[in-house]
Structure formats: C-alpha cells, structure tokens
PDB file of all heavy atoms in Angstrom:
ATOM      1  N   VAL A   1      79.162  89.837 119.484  1.00  0.00           N
ATOM      2  CA  VAL A   1      79.560  91.015 120.258  1.00  0.00           C
ATOM      3  C   VAL A   1      79.360  92.258 119.397  1.00  0.00           C
ATOM      4  O   VAL A   1      79.905  92.341 118.297  1.00  0.00           O
ATOM      5  CB  VAL A   1      81.047  90.931 120.675  1.00  0.00           C
ATOM      6  CG1 VAL A   1      81.441  92.155 121.491  1.00  0.00           C
ATOM      7  CG2 VAL A   1      81.317  89.652 121.463  1.00  0.00           C
ATOM      8  N   SER A   2      78.561  93.210 119.891  1.00  0.00           N
ATOM      9  CA  SER A   2      78.399  94.438 119.112  1.00  0.00           C
ATOM     10  C   SER A   2      78.800  95.652 119.950  1.00  0.00           C
ATOM     11  O   SER A   2      78.590  95.684 121.154  1.00  0.00           O
ATOM     12  CB  SER A   2      76.962  94.575 118.610  1.00  0.00           C
ATOM     13  OG  SER A   2      76.077  94.633 119.703  1.00  0.00           O
ATOM     14  N   PHE A   3      79.396  96.611 119.263  1.00  0.00           N
ATOM     15  CA  PHE A   3      79.862  97.844 119.896  1.00  0.00           C
ATOM     16  C   PHE A   3      79.054  99.025 119.401  1.00  0.00           C
ATOM     17  O   PHE A   3      78.792  99.131 118.208  1.00  0.00           O
ATOM     18  CB  PHE A   3      81.326  98.096 119.539  1.00  0.00           C
ATOM     19  CG  PHE A   3      82.282  97.644 120.592  1.00  0.00           C
ATOM     20  CD1 PHE A   3      82.648  96.316 120.673  1.00  0.00           C
ATOM     21  CD2 PHE A   3      82.803  98.537 121.507  1.00  0.00           C
ATOM     22  CE1 PHE A   3      83.524  95.890 121.652  1.00  0.00           C
ATOM     23  CE2 PHE A   3      83.681  98.126 122.495  1.00  0.00           C
ATOM     24  CZ  PHE A   3      84.047  96.793 122.558  1.00  0.00           C
ATOM     25  N   ASP A   4      78.685  99.885 120.307  1.00  0.00           N
ATOM     26  CA  ASP A   4      78.028 101.134 119.937  1.00  0.00           C
ATOM     27  C   ASP A   4      78.839 102.254 120.566  1.00  0.00           C
ATOM     28  O   ASP A   4      78.883 102.382 121.788  1.00  0.00           O
ATOM     29  CB  ASP A   4      76.588 101.126 120.457  1.00  0.00           C
ATOM     30  CG  ASP A   4      75.861 102.427 120.127  1.00  0.00           C
ATOM     31  OD1 ASP A   4      76.416 103.248 119.366  1.00  0.00           O
ATOM     32  OD2 ASP A   4      74.753 102.616 120.642  1.00  0.00           O
ATOM     33  N   GLU A   5      79.515 103.029 119.736  1.00  0.00           N
ATOM     34  CA  GLU A   5      80.341 104.116 120.247  1.00  0.00           C
ATOM     35  C   GLU A   5      79.706 105.453 119.885  1.00  0.00           C
ATOM     36  O   GLU A   5      79.359 105.676 118.738  1.00  0.00           O
ATOM     37  CB  GLU A   5      81.731 104.079 119.616  1.00  0.00           C
ATOM     38  CG  GLU A   5      82.593 102.957 120.095  1.00  0.00           C
ATOM     39  CD  GLU A   5      83.936 102.967 119.360  1.00  0.00           C
ATOM     40  OE1 GLU A   5      83.930 103.068 118.116  1.00  0.00           O
ATOM     41  OE2 GLU A   5      84.960 102.878 120.021  1.00  0.00           O
ATOM     42  N   GLN A   6      79.593 106.310 120.878  1.00  0.00           N
ATOM     43  CA  GLN A   6      79.162 107.682 120.612  1.00  0.00           C
ATOM     44  C   GLN A   6      80.144 108.593 121.328  1.00  0.00           C
ATOM     45  O   GLN A   6      79.844 109.143 122.384  1.00  0.00           O
ATOM     46  CB  GLN A   6      77.727 107.883 121.091  1.00  0.00           C
ATOM     47  CG  GLN A   6      76.736 107.015 120.317  1.00  0.00           C
ATOM     48  CD  GLN A   6      75.333 107.081 120.877  1.00  0.00           C
ATOM     49  OE1 GLN A   6      74.987 107.979 121.618  1.00  0.00           O
ATOM     50  NE2 GLN A   6      74.521 106.098 120.517  1.00  0.00           N
ATOM     51  N   LEU A   7      81.323 108.682 120.757  1.00  0.00           N
ATOM     52  CA  LEU A   7      82.400 109.398 121.432  1.00  0.00           C
ATOM     53  C   LEU A   7      82.601 110.772 120.819  1.00  0.00           C
ATOM     54  O   LEU A   7      82.691 110.917 119.606  1.00  0.00           O
ATOM     55  CB  LEU A   7      83.714 108.610 121.294  1.00  0.00           C
ATOM     56  CG  LEU A   7      83.727 107.216 121.909  1.00  0.00           C
ATOM     57  CD1 LEU A   7      85.069 106.550 121.654  1.00  0.00           C
ATOM     58  CD2 LEU A   7      83.453 107.294 123.388  1.00  0.00           C
ATOM     59  N   GLN A   8      82.673 111.761 121.705  1.00  0.00           N
ATOM     60  CA  GLN A   8      83.123 113.061 121.236  1.00  0.00           C
ATOM     61  C   GLN A   8      84.643 112.962 121.103  1.00  0.00           C
ATOM     62  O   GLN A   8      85.282 112.197 121.810  1.00  0.00           O
ATOM     63  CB  GLN A   8      82.742 114.142 122.241  1.00  0.00           C
ATOM     64  CG  GLN A   8      81.243 114.384 122.272  1.00  0.00           C
ATOM     65  CD  GLN A   8      80.773 114.945 123.598  1.00  0.00           C
ATOM     66  OE1 GLN A   8      81.518 114.985 124.564  1.00  0.00           O
ATOM     67  NE2 GLN A   8      79.514 115.337 123.645  1.00  0.00           N
ATOM     68  N   ASP A   9      85.190 113.737 120.196  1.00  0.00           N
ATOM     69  CA  ASP A   9      86.619 113.615 119.928  1.00  0.00           C
ATOM     70  C   ASP A   9      87.465 113.832 121.168  1.00  0.00           C
ATOM     71  O   ASP A   9      87.171 114.678 122.003  1.00  0.00           O
ATOM     72  CB  ASP A   9      87.041 114.604 118.845  1.00  0.00           C
ATOM     73  CG  ASP A   9      86.665 114.079 117.476  1.00  0.00           C
ATOM     74  OD1 ASP A   9      86.414 112.862 117.381  1.00  0.00           O
ATOM     75  OD2 ASP A   9      86.599 114.884 116.530  1.00  0.00           O
ATOM     76  N   SER A  10      88.488 113.051 121.253  1.00  0.00           N
ATOM     77  CA  SER A  10      89.576 113.222 122.204  1.00  0.00           C
ATOM     78  C   SER A  10      89.121 113.397 123.647  1.00  0.00           C
ATOM     79  O   SER A  10      89.608 114.263 124.351  1.00  0.00           O
ATOM     80  CB  SER A  10      90.439 114.422 121.807  1.00  0.00           C
ATOM     81  OG  SER A  10      89.758 115.634 122.054  1.00  0.00           O
ATOM     82  N   VAL A  11      88.170 112.599 124.074  1.00  0.00           N
ATOM     83  CA  VAL A  11      87.852 112.586 125.497  1.00  0.00           C
ATOM     84  C   VAL A  11      88.964 111.813 126.199  1.00  0.00           C
ATOM     85  O   VAL A  11      89.331 110.723 125.771  1.00  0.00           O
ATOM     86  CB  VAL A  11      86.496 111.904 125.765  1.00  0.00           C
ATOM     87  CG1 VAL A  11      86.263 111.721 127.249  1.00  0.00           C
ATOM     88  CG2 VAL A  11      85.384 112.742 125.156  1.00  0.00           C
ATOM     89  N   LYS A  12      89.495 112.417 127.242  1.00  0.00           N
ATOM     90  CA  LYS A  12      90.590 111.771 127.963  1.00  0.00           C
ATOM     91  C   LYS A  12      90.171 111.489 129.398  1.00  0.00           C
ATOM     92  O   LYS A  12      89.386 112.228 129.976  1.00  0.00           O
ATOM     93  CB  LYS A  12      91.827 112.672 127.990  1.00  0.00           C
ATOM     94  CG  LYS A  12      92.482 112.906 126.655  1.00  0.00           C
ATOM     95  CD  LYS A  12      93.771 113.706 126.848  1.00  0.00           C
ATOM     96  CE  LYS A  12      94.544 113.874 125.555  1.00  0.00           C
ATOM     97  NZ  LYS A  12      94.003 114.945 124.706  1.00  0.00           N
ATOM     98  N   LEU A  13      90.718 110.411 129.939  1.00  0.00           N
ATOM     99  CA  LEU A  13      90.518 110.086 131.350  1.00  0.00           C
ATOM    100  C   LEU A  13      91.881 110.022 132.013  1.00  0.00           C
ATOM    101  O   LEU A  13      92.854 109.600 131.392  1.00  0.00           O
ATOM    102  CB  LEU A  13      89.839 108.717 131.493  1.00  0.00           C
ATOM    103  CG  LEU A  13      88.406 108.578 130.982  1.00  0.00           C
ATOM    104  CD1 LEU A  13      87.964 107.136 131.076  1.00  0.00           C
ATOM    105  CD2 LEU A  13      87.469 109.486 131.761  1.00  0.00           C
ATOM    106  N   PRO A  14      91.960 110.428 133.288  1.00  0.00           N
ATOM    107  CA  PRO A  14      93.211 110.215 134.014  1.00  0.00           C
ATOM    108  C   PRO A  14      93.570 108.730 133.933  1.00  0.00           C
ATOM    109  O   PRO A  14      92.677 107.878 133.967  1.00  0.00           O
ATOM    110  CB  PRO A  14      92.863 110.601 135.449  1.00  0.00           C
ATOM    111  CG  PRO A  14      91.661 111.474 135.343  1.00  0.00           C
ATOM    112  CD  PRO A  14      90.915 111.015 134.123  1.00  0.00           C
ATOM    113  N   SER A  15      94.868 108.423 133.793  1.00  0.00           N
ATOM    114  CA  SER A  15      95.226 107.047 133.475  1.00  0.00           C
ATOM    115  C   SER A  15      94.754 106.041 134.528  1.00  0.00           C
ATOM    116  O   SER A  15      94.377 104.926 134.194  1.00  0.00           O
ATOM    117  CB  SER A  15      96.726 106.915 133.230  1.00  0.00           C
ATOM    118  OG  SER A  15      97.432 107.450 134.314  1.00  0.00           O
ATOM    119  N   LEU A  16      94.736 106.437 135.797  1.00  0.00           N
ATOM    120  CA  LEU A  16      94.278 105.509 136.829  1.00  0.00           C
ATOM    121  C   LEU A  16      92.801 105.175 136.625  1.00  0.00           C
ATOM    122  O   LEU A  16      92.382 104.022 136.730  1.00  0.00           O
ATOM    123  CB  LEU A  16      94.481 106.097 138.230  1.00  0.00           C
ATOM    124  CG  LEU A  16      94.031 105.171 139.372  1.00  0.00           C
ATOM    125  CD1 LEU A  16      95.008 104.018 139.533  1.00  0.00           C
ATOM    126  CD2 LEU A  16      93.879 105.925 140.673  1.00  0.00           C
ATOM    127  N   VAL A  17      92.018 106.195 136.309  1.00  0.00           N
ATOM    128  CA  VAL A  17      90.587 105.992 136.063  1.00  0.00           C
ATOM    129  C   VAL A  17      90.406 105.128 134.814  1.00  0.00           C
ATOM    130  O   VAL A  17      89.655 104.159 134.807  1.00  0.00           O
ATOM    131  CB  VAL A  17      89.853 107.345 135.896  1.00  0.00           C
ATOM    132  CG1 VAL A  17      88.391 107.130 135.539  1.00  0.00           C
ATOM    133  CG2 VAL A  17      89.975 108.160 137.176  1.00  0.00           C
ATOM    134  N   GLY A  18      91.135 105.467 133.761  1.00  0.00           N
ATOM    135  CA  GLY A  18      91.046 104.727 132.506  1.00  0.00           C
ATOM    136  C   GLY A  18      91.374 103.261 132.678  1.00  0.00           C
ATOM    137  O   GLY A  18      90.686 102.378 132.150  1.00  0.00           O
ATOM    138  N   LEU A  19      92.428 103.005 133.445  1.00  0.00           N
ATOM    139  CA  LEU A  19      92.846 101.619 133.683  1.00  0.00           C
ATOM    140  C   LEU A  19      91.765 100.856 134.433  1.00  0.00           C
ATOM    141  O   LEU A  19      91.445  99.706 134.102  1.00  0.00           O
ATOM    142  CB  LEU A  19      94.152 101.608 134.472  1.00  0.00           C
ATOM    143  CG  LEU A  19      94.832 100.240 134.579  1.00  0.00           C
ATOM    144  CD1 LEU A  19      95.261  99.755 133.197  1.00  0.00           C
ATOM    145  CD2 LEU A  19      96.020 100.306 135.511  1.00  0.00           C
ATOM    146  N   ASN A  20      91.177 101.491 135.434  1.00  0.00           N
ATOM    147  CA  ASN A  20      90.129 100.827 136.209  1.00  0.00           C
ATOM    148  C   ASN A  20      88.870 100.597 135.370  1.00  0.00           C
ATOM    149  O   ASN A  20      88.221  99.559 135.500  1.00  0.00           O
ATOM    150  CB  ASN A  20      89.816 101.610 137.482  1.00  0.00           C
ATOM    151  CG  ASN A  20      90.818 101.307 138.581  1.00  0.00           C
ATOM    152  OD1 ASN A  20      91.044 100.161 138.936  1.00  0.00           O
ATOM    153  ND2 ASN A  20      91.451 102.344 139.109  1.00  0.00           N
ATOM    154  N   VAL A  21      88.530 101.557 134.525  1.00  0.00           N
ATOM    155  CA  VAL A  21      87.399 101.372 133.610  1.00  0.00           C
ATOM    156  C   VAL A  21      87.645 100.121 132.768  1.00  0.00           C
ATOM    157  O   VAL A  21      86.779  99.246 132.642  1.00  0.00           O
ATOM    158  CB  VAL A  21      87.223 102.608 132.694  1.00  0.00           C
ATOM    159  CG1 VAL A  21      86.345 102.285 131.485  1.00  0.00           C
ATOM    160  CG2 VAL A  21      86.625 103.763 133.486  1.00  0.00           C
ATOM    161  N   TYR A  22      88.844 100.030 132.209  1.00  0.00           N
ATOM    162  CA  TYR A  22      89.177  98.895 131.349  1.00  0.00           C
ATOM    163  C   TYR A  22      89.102  97.578 132.130  1.00  0.00           C
ATOM    164  O   TYR A  22      88.506  96.602 131.682  1.00  0.00           O
ATOM    165  CB  TYR A  22      90.567  99.085 130.744  1.00  0.00           C
ATOM    166  CG  TYR A  22      90.988  97.927 129.879  1.00  0.00           C
ATOM    167  CD1 TYR A  22      90.395  97.712 128.629  1.00  0.00           C
ATOM    168  CD2 TYR A  22      91.970  97.043 130.293  1.00  0.00           C
ATOM    169  CE1 TYR A  22      90.765  96.641 127.830  1.00  0.00           C
ATOM    170  CE2 TYR A  22      92.349  95.971 129.500  1.00  0.00           C
ATOM    171  CZ  TYR A  22      91.742  95.777 128.273  1.00  0.00           C
ATOM    172  OH  TYR A  22      92.107  94.708 127.495  1.00  0.00           O
ATOM    173  N   ARG A  23      89.686  97.564 133.321  1.00  0.00           N
ATOM    174  CA  ARG A  23      89.714  96.340 134.136  1.00  0.00           C
ATOM    175  C   ARG A  23      88.304  95.886 134.542  1.00  0.00           C
ATOM    176  O   ARG A  23      88.007  94.700 134.552  1.00  0.00           O
ATOM    177  CB  ARG A  23      90.554  96.562 135.393  1.00  0.00           C
ATOM    178  CG  ARG A  23      92.021  96.718 135.128  1.00  0.00           C
ATOM    179  CD  ARG A  23      92.746  95.395 135.232  1.00  0.00           C
ATOM    180  NE  ARG A  23      94.181  95.570 135.112  1.00  0.00           N
ATOM    181  CZ  ARG A  23      94.848  95.400 133.967  1.00  0.00           C
ATOM    182  NH1 ARG A  23      94.196  95.080 132.860  1.00  0.00           N
ATOM    183  NH2 ARG A  23      96.146  95.548 133.923  1.00  0.00           N
ATOM    184  N   ILE A  24      87.458  96.845 134.910  1.00  0.00           N
ATOM    185  CA  ILE A  24      86.082  96.502 135.302  1.00  0.00           C
ATOM    186  C   ILE A  24      85.334  95.906 134.102  1.00  0.00           C
ATOM    187  O   ILE A  24      84.634  94.898 134.224  1.00  0.00           O
ATOM    188  CB  ILE A  24      85.339  97.742 135.853  1.00  0.00           C
ATOM    189  CG1 ILE A  24      85.953  98.163 137.194  1.00  0.00           C
ATOM    190  CG2 ILE A  24      83.855  97.449 136.031  1.00  0.00           C
ATOM    191  CD1 ILE A  24      85.488  99.529 137.693  1.00  0.00           C
ATOM    192  N   CYS A  25      85.510  96.514 132.943  1.00  0.00           N
ATOM    193  CA  CYS A  25      84.848  96.001 131.733  1.00  0.00           C
ATOM    194  C   CYS A  25      85.371  94.614 131.373  1.00  0.00           C
ATOM    195  O   CYS A  25      84.607  93.732 130.976  1.00  0.00           O
ATOM    196  CB  CYS A  25      85.063  96.951 130.564  1.00  0.00           C
ATOM    197  SG  CYS A  25      84.172  98.506 130.741  1.00  0.00           S
ATOM    198  N   GLN A  26      86.673  94.424 131.549  1.00  0.00           N
ATOM    199  CA  GLN A  26      87.297  93.129 131.315  1.00  0.00           C
ATOM    200  C   GLN A  26      86.651  92.065 132.194  1.00  0.00           C
ATOM    201  O   GLN A  26      86.292  90.983 131.730  1.00  0.00           O
ATOM    202  CB  GLN A  26      88.782  93.234 131.684  1.00  0.00           C
ATOM    203  CG  GLN A  26      89.710  92.825 130.597  1.00  0.00           C
ATOM    204  CD  GLN A  26      91.168  92.894 131.053  1.00  0.00           C
ATOM    205  OE1 GLN A  26      91.510  93.383 132.140  1.00  0.00           O
ATOM    206  NE2 GLN A  26      92.036  92.389 130.226  1.00  0.00           N
ATOM    207  N   GLU A  27      86.509  92.407 133.454  1.00  0.00           N
ATOM    208  CA  GLU A  27      85.916  91.494 134.421  1.00  0.00           C
ATOM    209  C   GLU A  27      84.457  91.193 134.059  1.00  0.00           C
ATOM    210  O   GLU A  27      84.002  90.043 134.141  1.00  0.00           O
ATOM    211  CB  GLU A  27      86.002  92.129 135.802  1.00  0.00           C
ATOM    212  CG  GLU A  27      85.637  91.225 136.957  1.00  0.00           C
ATOM    213  CD  GLU A  27      86.839  90.514 137.560  1.00  0.00           C
ATOM    214  OE1 GLU A  27      87.842  91.186 137.868  1.00  0.00           O
ATOM    215  OE2 GLU A  27      86.751  89.285 137.730  1.00  0.00           O
TER     216      GLU A  27
END
C-alpha cells in the first residue's frame, strides 16, 4: 500500500462531507 499526499496546509471539509469521503474510501 503506498500513499501519495499533496496537501496544502489545513484544508478542511465539512464534517458530513469528510465522513462520506472516508467511508467511500473505506469501502
């Protein structure tokens, strides 16, 4: 498993969106 992160600092998502992003990736 490899990760490639290109994150600008402190990007935030509304928690509902963030949770769904996480759940979809989990699935």
